[in-house]
Amino acid sequence: MNKLYMGKFYFIVFVLSLTICSCNAKIFHKNPEKKLFGKTLGNKKEVKVKEPKTILKAKKNQEAKEKKLNKDKEKSVKRSQKRTRDIQTPEVQARMKQNQKDTAVRDKAKKKKTKTATKKARKKYK
């Protein structure tokens, strides 16, 4: 009979310990900063300021003007290069053409070399 009461006693103690553990688990918070401050510190949103339509329109017009100026500049450079070539004698024209080809090949090789060097460095620091 004494063993029966001891068994019930241990059972009741076991059940009470489980309920206390589950209560402690409910009190645990994932983010203690949220409990203290209400929001996490790293979750700040940036406020977007909308510019007036006149400013947006002015910026758009300025970009269009700059694009047109760059286009005109490229045209004038090509035109002056063509005129410079046309003025020269045929031998000089051929030499100028060959120089342009050599420069293009040299630039291509230089780009390829720098690309492989940066690729090696990228692999080194990964």
Protein backbone atom coordinates (compact mmCIF):
# COMPACT_ATOMS: atom_id res chain seq x y z
CA MET A 1 0.00 0.00 0.00
CA ASN A 2 2.87 2.35 0.84
CA LYS A 3 4.35 1.71 -2.62
CA LEU A 4 1.06 2.70 -4.25
CA TYR A 5 1.02 6.06 -2.47
CA MET A 6 4.68 6.67 -3.34
CA GLY A 7 3.95 5.88 -7.01
CA LYS A 8 1.06 8.36 -7.07
CA PHE A 9 3.23 10.93 -5.30
CA TYR A 10 6.01 10.60 -7.90
CA PHE A 11 3.44 10.77 -10.69
CA ILE A 12 1.95 14.02 -9.31
CA VAL A 13 5.43 15.56 -8.88
CA PHE A 14 6.28 14.57 -12.46
CA VAL A 15 3.10 16.13 -13.86
CA LEU A 16 3.66 19.35 -11.88
CA SER A 17 7.25 19.62 -13.13
CA LEU A 18 6.04 19.29 -16.72
CA THR A 19 3.47 22.06 -16.25
CA ILE A 20 6.07 24.35 -14.70
CA CYS A 21 8.45 23.71 -17.60
CA SER A 22 5.75 24.44 -20.16
CA CYS A 23 4.89 27.69 -18.33
CA ASN A 24 8.52 28.75 -18.43
CA ALA A 25 8.63 28.00 -22.14
CA LYS A 26 5.69 30.33 -22.76
CA ILE A 27 7.43 33.22 -20.98
CA PHE A 28 10.48 32.97 -23.30
CA HIS A 29 10.56 35.70 -25.97
CA LYS A 30 12.40 35.31 -29.26
CA ASN A 31 13.57 38.91 -29.38
CA PRO A 32 14.13 40.60 -26.00
CA GLU A 33 14.65 44.00 -27.73
CA LYS A 34 11.10 43.84 -29.04
CA LYS A 35 9.78 43.34 -25.53
CA LEU A 36 11.84 46.27 -24.22
CA PHE A 37 11.57 48.80 -27.05
CA GLY A 38 8.52 47.70 -29.01
CA LYS A 39 10.36 47.32 -32.32
CA THR A 40 13.70 45.92 -33.34
CA LEU A 41 16.49 48.43 -33.86
CA GLY A 42 17.51 47.18 -37.32
CA ASN A 43 14.06 47.44 -38.84
CA LYS A 44 13.99 51.14 -39.73
CA LYS A 45 12.26 52.11 -42.96
CA GLU A 46 13.56 54.91 -45.12
CA VAL A 47 11.07 57.62 -45.87
CA LYS A 48 10.69 58.27 -49.58
CA VAL A 49 10.39 61.91 -50.50
CA LYS A 50 8.47 62.50 -53.68
CA GLU A 51 9.81 65.34 -55.79
CA PRO A 52 7.47 67.82 -57.44
CA LYS A 53 6.48 67.15 -61.05
CA THR A 54 8.21 70.30 -62.27
CA ILE A 55 11.54 69.10 -60.91
CA LEU A 56 11.07 65.64 -62.43
CA LYS A 57 10.18 67.23 -65.77
CA ALA A 58 13.23 69.52 -65.63
CA LYS A 59 15.53 66.56 -64.86
CA LYS A 60 14.05 64.58 -67.71
CA ASN A 61 14.55 67.48 -70.12
CA GLN A 62 18.13 67.97 -68.94
CA GLU A 63 18.90 64.27 -69.49
CA ALA A 64 17.42 64.48 -72.99
CA LYS A 65 19.55 67.56 -73.78
CA GLU A 66 22.72 65.87 -72.49
CA LYS A 67 21.96 62.78 -74.56
CA LYS A 68 21.46 64.94 -77.66
CA LEU A 69 24.71 66.85 -76.99
CA ASN A 70 26.66 63.61 -76.62
CA LYS A 71 25.19 62.32 -79.87
CA ASP A 72 26.08 65.55 -81.69
CA LYS A 73 29.59 65.45 -80.22
CA GLU A 74 30.14 61.89 -81.46
CA LYS A 75 28.89 62.86 -84.93
CA SER A 76 31.22 65.85 -85.10
CA VAL A 77 34.20 63.76 -83.97
CA LYS A 78 33.48 61.15 -86.65
CA ARG A 79 33.04 63.86 -89.25
CA SER A 80 36.34 65.53 -88.35
CA GLN A 81 38.18 62.18 -88.37
CA LYS A 82 36.75 61.38 -91.80
CA ARG A 83 37.73 64.81 -93.11
CA THR A 84 41.25 64.38 -91.70
CA ARG A 85 41.60 61.04 -93.47
CA ASP A 86 40.23 62.39 -96.75
CA ILE A 87 42.77 65.23 -96.83
CA GLN A 88 45.75 62.83 -96.63
CA THR A 89 47.47 61.06 -99.50
CA PRO A 90 46.49 57.41 -100.22
CA GLU A 91 49.68 56.04 -98.62
CA VAL A 92 49.05 57.95 -95.40
CA GLN A 93 45.38 56.90 -95.44
CA ALA A 94 46.40 53.24 -95.61
CA ARG A 95 48.87 53.72 -92.76
CA MET A 96 46.22 55.47 -90.64
CA LYS A 97 43.77 52.64 -91.27
CA GLN A 98 46.40 50.08 -90.27
CA ASN A 99 47.20 52.05 -87.10
CA GLN A 100 43.53 52.02 -86.13
CA LYS A 101 43.38 48.24 -86.60
CA ASP A 102 46.54 47.73 -84.55
CA THR A 103 45.16 49.91 -81.77
CA ALA A 104 41.90 47.94 -81.72
CA VAL A 105 43.78 44.63 -81.48
CA ARG A 106 46.04 45.98 -78.71
CA ASP A 107 43.06 47.27 -76.72
CA LYS A 108 41.27 43.94 -77.09
CA ALA A 109 44.33 42.07 -75.82
CA LYS A 110 44.69 44.48 -72.90
CA LYS A 111 41.04 44.02 -71.89
CA LYS A 112 41.42 40.26 -72.09
CA LYS A 113 44.55 40.38 -69.91
CA THR A 114 42.92 42.53 -67.24
CA LYS A 115 39.81 40.32 -67.27
CA THR A 116 41.87 37.17 -66.63
CA ALA A 117 43.88 38.92 -63.91
CA THR A 118 40.75 40.04 -62.10
CA LYS A 119 39.28 36.56 -62.46
CA LYS A 120 42.37 35.09 -60.77
CA ALA A 121 42.18 37.64 -57.97
CA ARG A 122 38.48 36.93 -57.49
CA LYS A 123 39.21 33.22 -57.10
CA LYS A 124 42.03 33.99 -54.70
CA TYR A 125 39.84 35.96 -52.29
CA LYS A 126 36.69 33.83 -52.42
